C-alpha atoms as a PDB file:
ATOM      1  CA  MET A   1      30.654 131.063 -78.899  1.00  0.00           C
ATOM      2  CA  TYR A   2      30.726 130.809 -75.096  1.00  0.00           C
ATOM      3  CA  ALA A   3      28.642 133.977 -74.902  1.00  0.00           C
ATOM      4  CA  GLU A   4      26.154 132.647 -77.466  1.00  0.00           C
ATOM      5  CA  LEU A   5      25.667 129.434 -75.490  1.00  0.00           C
ATOM      6  CA  ALA A   6      25.205 131.028 -72.054  1.00  0.00           C
ATOM      7  CA  ARG A   7      21.426 130.914 -72.480  1.00  0.00           C
ATOM      8  CA  TYR A   8      21.575 127.109 -72.774  1.00  0.00           C
ATOM      9  CA  TYR A   9      24.072 126.552 -69.957  1.00  0.00           C
ATOM     10  CA  ASP A  10      21.564 125.530 -67.287  1.00  0.00           C
ATOM     11  CA  LYS A  11      19.759 123.203 -69.691  1.00  0.00           C
ATOM     12  CA  ILE A  12      23.047 121.490 -70.542  1.00  0.00           C
ATOM     13  CA  TYR A  13      23.846 120.945 -66.861  1.00  0.00           C
ATOM     14  CA  SER A  14      20.283 120.230 -65.766  1.00  0.00           C
ATOM     15  CA  LEU A  15      21.305 116.867 -64.269  1.00  0.00           C
ATOM     16  CA  LYS A  16      23.858 118.487 -61.954  1.00  0.00           C
ATOM     17  CA  ASP A  17      22.432 118.479 -58.414  1.00  0.00           C
ATOM     18  CA  TYR A  18      23.307 121.979 -57.260  1.00  0.00           C
ATOM     19  CA  ALA A  19      21.068 121.735 -54.192  1.00  0.00           C
ATOM     20  CA  ASP A  20      22.823 118.615 -52.919  1.00  0.00           C
ATOM     21  CA  GLU A  21      26.277 120.046 -53.645  1.00  0.00           C
ATOM     22  CA  ALA A  22      25.415 123.297 -51.852  1.00  0.00           C
ATOM     23  CA  GLY A  23      24.144 121.369 -48.843  1.00  0.00           C
ATOM     24  CA  ARG A  24      27.294 119.263 -48.564  1.00  0.00           C
ATOM     25  CA  LEU A  25      29.464 122.301 -49.185  1.00  0.00           C
ATOM     26  CA  THR A  26      27.716 124.197 -46.384  1.00  0.00           C
ATOM     27  CA  ALA A  27      28.399 121.333 -43.965  1.00  0.00           C
ATOM     28  CA  ILE A  28      32.080 121.308 -44.948  1.00  0.00           C
ATOM     29  CA  ILE A  29      32.368 125.065 -44.529  1.00  0.00           C
ATOM     30  CA  ARG A  30      30.699 124.954 -41.100  1.00  0.00           C
ATOM     31  CA  GLY A  31      33.226 122.351 -39.999  1.00  0.00           C
ATOM     32  CA  TYR A  32      36.195 124.605 -40.763  1.00  0.00           C
ATOM     33  CA  LEU A  33      34.974 128.187 -40.421  1.00  0.00           C
ATOM     34  CA  ARG A  34      36.430 130.109 -37.475  1.00  0.00           C
ATOM     35  CA  SER A  35      35.242 133.612 -38.294  1.00  0.00           C
ATOM     36  CA  GLU A  36      31.902 134.837 -37.010  1.00  0.00           C
ATOM     37  CA  GLY A  37      30.452 136.319 -40.207  1.00  0.00           C
ATOM     38  CA  ARG A  38      28.497 134.743 -43.059  1.00  0.00           C
ATOM     39  CA  ARG A  39      29.681 136.591 -46.169  1.00  0.00           C
ATOM     40  CA  LEU A  40      30.471 134.272 -49.091  1.00  0.00           C
ATOM     41  CA  LEU A  41      32.008 135.046 -52.481  1.00  0.00           C
ATOM     42  CA  ASP A  42      31.697 132.495 -55.285  1.00  0.00           C
ATOM     43  CA  VAL A  43      34.481 133.041 -57.834  1.00  0.00           C
ATOM     44  CA  ALA A  44      33.714 131.917 -61.406  1.00  0.00           C
ATOM     45  CA  CYS A  45      30.082 131.670 -60.333  1.00  0.00           C
ATOM     46  CA  GLY A  46      28.695 131.115 -63.838  1.00  0.00           C
ATOM     47  CA  THR A  47      24.913 131.381 -63.849  1.00  0.00           C
ATOM     48  CA  GLY A  48      24.782 131.447 -60.049  1.00  0.00           C
ATOM     49  CA  ARG A  49      23.168 128.048 -59.539  1.00  0.00           C
ATOM     50  CA  HIS A  50      25.151 127.185 -56.385  1.00  0.00           C
ATOM     51  CA  LEU A  51      24.320 130.616 -54.989  1.00  0.00           C
ATOM     52  CA  GLU A  52      20.599 129.933 -55.350  1.00  0.00           C
ATOM     53  CA  TYR A  53      21.002 127.489 -52.460  1.00  0.00           C
ATOM     54  CA  LEU A  54      24.011 128.903 -50.607  1.00  0.00           C
ATOM     55  CA  ARG A  55      22.139 132.183 -50.124  1.00  0.00           C
ATOM     56  CA  GLU A  56      19.879 130.356 -47.667  1.00  0.00           C
ATOM     57  CA  GLN A  57      22.838 130.074 -45.273  1.00  0.00           C
ATOM     58  CA  PHE A  58      25.175 132.900 -46.304  1.00  0.00           C
ATOM     59  CA  ASP A  59      25.192 136.504 -47.508  1.00  0.00           C
ATOM     60  CA  VAL A  60      26.387 135.695 -50.994  1.00  0.00           C
ATOM     61  CA  GLU A  61      28.066 137.504 -53.871  1.00  0.00           C
ATOM     62  CA  GLY A  62      29.376 136.201 -57.183  1.00  0.00           C
ATOM     63  CA  LEU A  63      32.163 136.997 -59.622  1.00  0.00           C
ATOM     64  CA  ASP A  64      32.574 135.816 -63.205  1.00  0.00           C
ATOM     65  CA  ILE A  65      34.353 136.979 -66.341  1.00  0.00           C
ATOM     66  CA  SER A  66      31.346 136.433 -68.618  1.00  0.00           C
ATOM     67  CA  PRO A  67      28.745 139.231 -68.756  1.00  0.00           C
ATOM     68  CA  GLU A  68      26.246 136.828 -70.325  1.00  0.00           C
ATOM     69  CA  MET A  69      26.601 134.344 -67.475  1.00  0.00           C
ATOM     70  CA  LEU A  70      26.264 137.158 -64.952  1.00  0.00           C
ATOM     71  CA  GLU A  71      23.078 138.395 -66.583  1.00  0.00           C
ATOM     72  CA  THR A  72      21.515 134.960 -66.096  1.00  0.00           C
ATOM     73  CA  ALA A  73      22.862 134.804 -62.528  1.00  0.00           C
ATOM     74  CA  ARG A  74      21.234 138.144 -61.691  1.00  0.00           C
ATOM     75  CA  GLN A  75      17.901 136.959 -63.029  1.00  0.00           C
ATOM     76  CA  LYS A  76      18.057 133.827 -60.887  1.00  0.00           C
ATOM     77  CA  ASN A  77      19.304 135.639 -57.777  1.00  0.00           C
ATOM     78  CA  PRO A  78      17.605 139.036 -57.490  1.00  0.00           C
ATOM     79  CA  GLY A  79      19.238 141.282 -54.934  1.00  0.00           C
ATOM     80  CA  VAL A  80      22.536 139.381 -54.918  1.00  0.00           C
ATOM     81  CA  PRO A  81      25.619 141.460 -55.867  1.00  0.00           C
ATOM     82  CA  PHE A  82      27.473 140.142 -58.906  1.00  0.00           C
ATOM     83  CA  HIS A  83      30.803 141.398 -60.223  1.00  0.00           C
ATOM     84  CA  GLN A  84      32.507 140.992 -63.581  1.00  0.00           C
ATOM     85  CA  GLY A  85      36.190 140.176 -63.269  1.00  0.00           C
ATOM     86  CA  ASP A  86      39.117 137.855 -63.920  1.00  0.00           C
ATOM     87  CA  MET A  87      39.613 135.296 -61.139  1.00  0.00           C
ATOM     88  CA  ALA A  88      43.358 135.961 -61.245  1.00  0.00           C
ATOM     89  CA  ASP A  89      43.071 139.728 -60.962  1.00  0.00           C
ATOM     90  CA  PHE A  90      40.170 141.200 -59.010  1.00  0.00           C
ATOM     91  CA  ASP A  91      39.807 143.497 -56.026  1.00  0.00           C
ATOM     92  CA  LEU A  92      36.357 143.990 -54.518  1.00  0.00           C
ATOM     93  CA  GLY A  93      37.638 146.184 -51.713  1.00  0.00           C
ATOM     94  CA  ARG A  94      36.197 144.020 -48.944  1.00  0.00           C
ATOM     95  CA  SER A  95      36.704 140.646 -47.296  1.00  0.00           C
ATOM     96  CA  PHE A  96      34.594 137.519 -46.946  1.00  0.00           C
ATOM     97  CA  ASP A  97      34.255 134.684 -44.469  1.00  0.00           C
ATOM     98  CA  VAL A  98      34.126 132.156 -47.304  1.00  0.00           C
ATOM     99  CA  VAL A  99      35.524 132.224 -50.832  1.00  0.00           C
ATOM    100  CA  THR A 100      34.642 129.359 -53.181  1.00  0.00           C
ATOM    101  CA  CYS A 101      35.744 128.397 -56.699  1.00  0.00           C
ATOM    102  CA  LEU A 102      33.693 125.402 -57.835  1.00  0.00           C
ATOM    103  CA  PHE A 103      32.978 123.148 -60.819  1.00  0.00           C
ATOM    104  CA  SER A 104      36.725 122.922 -61.645  1.00  0.00           C
ATOM    105  CA  SER A 105      36.760 126.524 -62.874  1.00  0.00           C
ATOM    106  CA  ILE A 106      40.260 127.012 -61.448  1.00  0.00           C
ATOM    107  CA  GLY A 107      41.596 125.038 -64.438  1.00  0.00           C
ATOM    108  CA  TYR A 108      40.868 127.985 -66.725  1.00  0.00           C
ATOM    109  CA  VAL A 109      43.827 129.922 -65.315  1.00  0.00           C
ATOM    110  CA  LYS A 110      45.891 127.463 -67.445  1.00  0.00           C
ATOM    111  CA  THR A 111      49.394 128.269 -66.135  1.00  0.00           C
ATOM    112  CA  MET A 112      51.176 127.936 -62.809  1.00  0.00           C
ATOM    113  CA  GLU A 113      51.813 131.682 -62.790  1.00  0.00           C
ATOM    114  CA  ARG A 114      48.129 132.507 -63.121  1.00  0.00           C
ATOM    115  CA  LEU A 115      47.190 129.740 -60.692  1.00  0.00           C
ATOM    116  CA  LYS A 116      49.309 131.383 -58.015  1.00  0.00           C
ATOM    117  CA  LYS A 117      47.868 134.809 -58.846  1.00  0.00           C
ATOM    118  CA  ALA A 118      44.300 133.504 -58.646  1.00  0.00           C
ATOM    119  CA  LEU A 119      44.779 131.715 -55.332  1.00  0.00           C
ATOM    120  CA  THR A 120      46.618 134.719 -53.890  1.00  0.00           C
ATOM    121  CA  CYS A 121      43.784 136.983 -55.017  1.00  0.00           C
ATOM    122  CA  MET A 122      41.156 134.768 -53.401  1.00  0.00           C
ATOM    123  CA  VAL A 123      43.045 134.482 -50.130  1.00  0.00           C
ATOM    124  CA  SER A 124      43.466 138.261 -50.036  1.00  0.00           C
ATOM    125  CA  HIS A 125      39.669 138.490 -49.873  1.00  0.00           C
ATOM    126  CA  LEU A 126      39.408 136.270 -46.775  1.00  0.00           C
ATOM    127  CA  VAL A 127      38.957 137.497 -43.214  1.00  0.00           C
ATOM    128  CA  PRO A 128      41.085 135.850 -40.492  1.00  0.00           C
ATOM    129  CA  GLY A 129      39.447 132.538 -39.641  1.00  0.00           C
ATOM    130  CA  GLY A 130      37.841 132.437 -43.087  1.00  0.00           C
ATOM    131  CA  VAL A 131      37.695 129.460 -45.435  1.00  0.00           C
ATOM    132  CA  LEU A 132      38.744 129.020 -49.068  1.00  0.00           C
ATOM    133  CA  VAL A 133      37.208 126.110 -51.023  1.00  0.00           C
ATOM    134  CA  ILE A 134      38.666 125.060 -54.389  1.00  0.00           C
ATOM    135  CA  GLU A 135      37.238 122.287 -56.566  1.00  0.00           C
ATOM    136  CA  PRO A 136      40.145 121.331 -58.865  1.00  0.00           C
ATOM    137  CA  TRP A 137      40.252 120.253 -62.499  1.00  0.00           C
ATOM    138  CA  PHE A 138      41.938 117.025 -63.572  1.00  0.00           C
ATOM    139  CA  THR A 139      45.607 116.222 -62.961  1.00  0.00           C
ATOM    140  CA  THR A 140      47.949 114.996 -65.699  1.00  0.00           C
ATOM    141  CA  GLY A 141      47.377 111.420 -64.546  1.00  0.00           C
ATOM    142  CA  SER A 142      43.597 111.568 -64.408  1.00  0.00           C
ATOM    143  CA  TRP A 143      43.083 113.308 -67.785  1.00  0.00           C
ATOM    144  CA  HIS A 144      42.587 110.819 -70.632  1.00  0.00           C
ATOM    145  CA  PRO A 145      43.226 112.250 -74.108  1.00  0.00           C
ATOM    146  CA  GLY A 146      41.586 110.481 -77.016  1.00  0.00           C
ATOM    147  CA  THR A 147      38.345 109.788 -75.178  1.00  0.00           C
ATOM    148  CA  VAL A 148      35.023 110.768 -76.747  1.00  0.00           C
ATOM    149  CA  HIS A 149      32.119 112.251 -74.791  1.00  0.00           C
ATOM    150  CA  GLY A 150      28.489 113.024 -75.539  1.00  0.00           C
ATOM    151  CA  LEU A 151      25.580 114.787 -73.848  1.00  0.00           C
ATOM    152  CA  PHE A 152      22.008 114.993 -75.084  1.00  0.00           C
ATOM    153  CA  ILE A 153      18.985 117.079 -74.108  1.00  0.00           C
ATOM    154  CA  ASP A 154      15.610 115.981 -75.441  1.00  0.00           C
ATOM    155  CA  GLU A 155      12.670 118.290 -74.785  1.00  0.00           C
ATOM    156  CA  PRO A 156       9.592 118.925 -76.983  1.00  0.00           C
ATOM    157  CA  GLU A 157      10.898 122.243 -78.311  1.00  0.00           C
ATOM    158  CA  LEU A 158      14.607 121.931 -77.580  1.00  0.00           C
ATOM    159  CA  LYS A 159      17.090 119.314 -78.740  1.00  0.00           C
ATOM    160  CA  ILE A 160      20.776 119.602 -77.850  1.00  0.00           C
ATOM    161  CA  ALA A 161      23.544 117.219 -78.849  1.00  0.00           C
ATOM    162  CA  ARG A 162      27.027 117.977 -77.496  1.00  0.00           C
ATOM    163  CA  VAL A 163      29.980 115.849 -78.588  1.00  0.00           C
ATOM    164  CA  ASN A 164      33.691 116.280 -77.986  1.00  0.00           C
ATOM    165  CA  THR A 165      37.032 114.488 -77.980  1.00  0.00           C
ATOM    166  CA  SER A 166      39.615 115.147 -75.269  1.00  0.00           C
ATOM    167  CA  PHE A 167      43.169 116.203 -76.169  1.00  0.00           C
ATOM    168  CA  VAL A 168      46.331 117.304 -74.367  1.00  0.00           C
ATOM    169  CA  ASP A 169      49.280 119.534 -75.208  1.00  0.00           C
ATOM    170  CA  GLY A 170      51.907 119.417 -72.464  1.00  0.00           C
ATOM    171  CA  ARG A 171      50.187 120.629 -69.289  1.00  0.00           C
ATOM    172  CA  ILE A 172      47.117 121.952 -71.126  1.00  0.00           C
ATOM    173  CA  SER A 173      43.974 119.871 -71.597  1.00  0.00           C
ATOM    174  CA  TYR A 174      41.813 121.045 -74.445  1.00  0.00           C
ATOM    175  CA  PHE A 175      38.653 120.108 -76.316  1.00  0.00           C
ATOM    176  CA  ASP A 176      36.134 121.534 -78.764  1.00  0.00           C
ATOM    177  CA  LEU A 177      32.520 121.126 -77.680  1.00  0.00           C
ATOM    178  CA  HIS A 178      30.428 120.683 -80.817  1.00  0.00           C
ATOM    179  CA  TYR A 179      26.791 121.630 -80.274  1.00  0.00           C
ATOM    180  CA  LEU A 180      23.788 120.939 -82.480  1.00  0.00           C
ATOM    181  CA  ILE A 181      20.887 122.933 -81.050  1.00  0.00           C
ATOM    182  CA  GLY A 182      17.425 122.551 -82.485  1.00  0.00           C
ATOM    183  CA  THR A 183      14.491 124.852 -81.677  1.00  0.00           C
ATOM    184  CA  PRO A 184      11.228 125.654 -83.506  1.00  0.00           C
ATOM    185  CA  GLN A 185      13.137 128.519 -85.155  1.00  0.00           C
ATOM    186  CA  GLY A 186      15.727 126.192 -86.672  1.00  0.00           C
ATOM    187  CA  THR A 187      18.870 124.169 -85.976  1.00  0.00           C
ATOM    188  CA  GLU A 188      22.257 125.751 -85.319  1.00  0.00           C
ATOM    189  CA  HIS A 189      25.795 124.439 -84.939  1.00  0.00           C
ATOM    190  CA  TYR A 190      28.267 125.960 -82.487  1.00  0.00           C
ATOM    191  CA  VAL A 191      31.836 125.040 -81.576  1.00  0.00           C
ATOM    192  CA  GLU A 192      33.127 126.072 -78.166  1.00  0.00           C
ATOM    193  CA  HIS A 193      36.893 125.773 -77.527  1.00  0.00           C
ATOM    194  CA  HIS A 194      38.153 125.116 -73.994  1.00  0.00           C
ATOM    195  CA  GLU A 195      41.678 125.014 -72.563  1.00  0.00           C
ATOM    196  CA  LEU A 196      42.376 124.167 -68.909  1.00  0.00           C
ATOM    197  CA  GLY A 197      45.641 123.671 -67.060  1.00  0.00           C
ATOM    198  CA  LEU A 198      46.482 120.275 -65.587  1.00  0.00           C
ATOM    199  CA  PHE A 199      47.738 120.965 -62.061  1.00  0.00           C
ATOM    200  CA  GLU A 200      48.986 118.347 -59.646  1.00  0.00           C
ATOM    201  CA  ARG A 201      47.426 118.105 -56.202  1.00  0.00           C
ATOM    202  CA  LYS A 202      50.745 118.939 -54.520  1.00  0.00           C
ATOM    203  CA  GLU A 203      51.212 122.034 -56.689  1.00  0.00           C
ATOM    204  CA  ILE A 204      47.910 123.505 -55.549  1.00  0.00           C
ATOM    205  CA  GLN A 205      48.452 122.451 -51.947  1.00  0.00           C
ATOM    206  CA  ASP A 206      51.949 123.975 -51.834  1.00  0.00           C
ATOM    207  CA  ILE A 207      50.653 127.326 -53.091  1.00  0.00           C
ATOM    208  CA  LEU A 208      47.838 127.359 -50.532  1.00  0.00           C
ATOM    209  CA  THR A 209      50.202 126.390 -47.708  1.00  0.00           C
ATOM    210  CA  GLY A 210      52.588 129.128 -48.815  1.00  0.00           C
ATOM    211  CA  LEU A 211      49.698 131.583 -48.447  1.00  0.00           C
ATOM    212  CA  THR A 212      49.537 130.609 -44.742  1.00  0.00           C
ATOM    213  CA  LEU A 213      46.431 128.461 -45.069  1.00  0.00           C
ATOM    214  CA  GLU A 214      45.882 125.284 -43.082  1.00  0.00           C
ATOM    215  CA  VAL A 215      44.948 122.961 -45.946  1.00  0.00           C
ATOM    216  CA  SER A 216      42.799 119.835 -46.031  1.00  0.00           C
ATOM    217  CA  TYR A 217      41.935 117.729 -49.069  1.00  0.00           C
ATOM    218  CA  ALA A 218      38.855 115.567 -49.622  1.00  0.00           C
ATOM    219  CA  GLU A 219      39.510 112.912 -52.278  1.00  0.00           C
ATOM    220  CA  GLU A 220      35.913 112.553 -53.442  1.00  0.00           C
ATOM    221  CA  GLY A 221      34.893 116.198 -53.011  1.00  0.00           C
ATOM    222  CA  LEU A 222      31.531 117.269 -54.404  1.00  0.00           C
ATOM    223  CA  THR A 223      31.697 115.639 -57.847  1.00  0.00           C
ATOM    224  CA  GLY A 224      34.524 113.117 -57.649  1.00  0.00           C
ATOM    225  CA  ARG A 225      37.286 115.571 -58.585  1.00  0.00           C
ATOM    226  CA  GLY A 226      38.475 116.316 -55.049  1.00  0.00           C
ATOM    227  CA  LEU A 227      38.168 119.423 -52.908  1.00  0.00           C
ATOM    228  CA  PHE A 228      40.729 121.698 -51.261  1.00  0.00           C
ATOM    229  CA  VAL A 229      39.658 123.448 -48.061  1.00  0.00           C
ATOM    230  CA  GLY A 230      41.973 126.110 -46.642  1.00  0.00           C
ATOM    231  CA  LEU A 231      41.565 127.855 -43.301  1.00  0.00           C
ATOM    232  CA  LEU A 232      43.196 131.253 -42.894  1.00  0.00           C
ATOM    233  CA  SER A 233      44.724 131.633 -39.449  1.00  0.00           C
ATOM    234  CA  VAL A 234      42.785 133.824 -37.020  1.00  0.00           C
ATOM    235  CA  ASP A 235      46.026 135.771 -36.788  1.00  0.00           C
ATOM    236  CA  GLY A 236      45.725 136.548 -40.496  1.00  0.00           C
END
């Protein structure tokens, strides 16, 4: 169902201020970056909304596992290279000054093993003096199972109601997003299942430090979920 809903993704997140986030992210990157280039790779880029604004300051590329998301990203960002791949196992054959993984997408790796693979893969694409930025998902303490959430879009020819309840199974948070989508052609119901790993701040920080990054953490971050910023030594 994720592929079916890709066309509605930007409508669903229309209240997310990508321009503001990209501006604050750029300022953070500038404060840490020690390399002299401006190449940026956004991992799990989705529909490329952050890149619409980051491309004003960087030479951007994107990577995502969903071909449907990438198709939308290409339409919004003509001329920008986009790659289909798994965030825990990709090799683009070149390095970047900045690698980002935003909107808590890192949670989709689910396990500690894949978390380490993903972070290692991202760091391997950094030039010396480059910066890695990770926006984490929830921790075990900040995830609240049993809570109910709703989101509603009300336009003349598009109505979307999204409702879900949060659950947990060990270190995995999960939820089914139930969508009712009404258009002039009719009303459809979709269910989209999501599972994301609950990683502690120290677990992520220890992996990044072990990859020889100098790591900083901003509690608030871009959306209130925190932000890891890692600088790769100029010595590599």
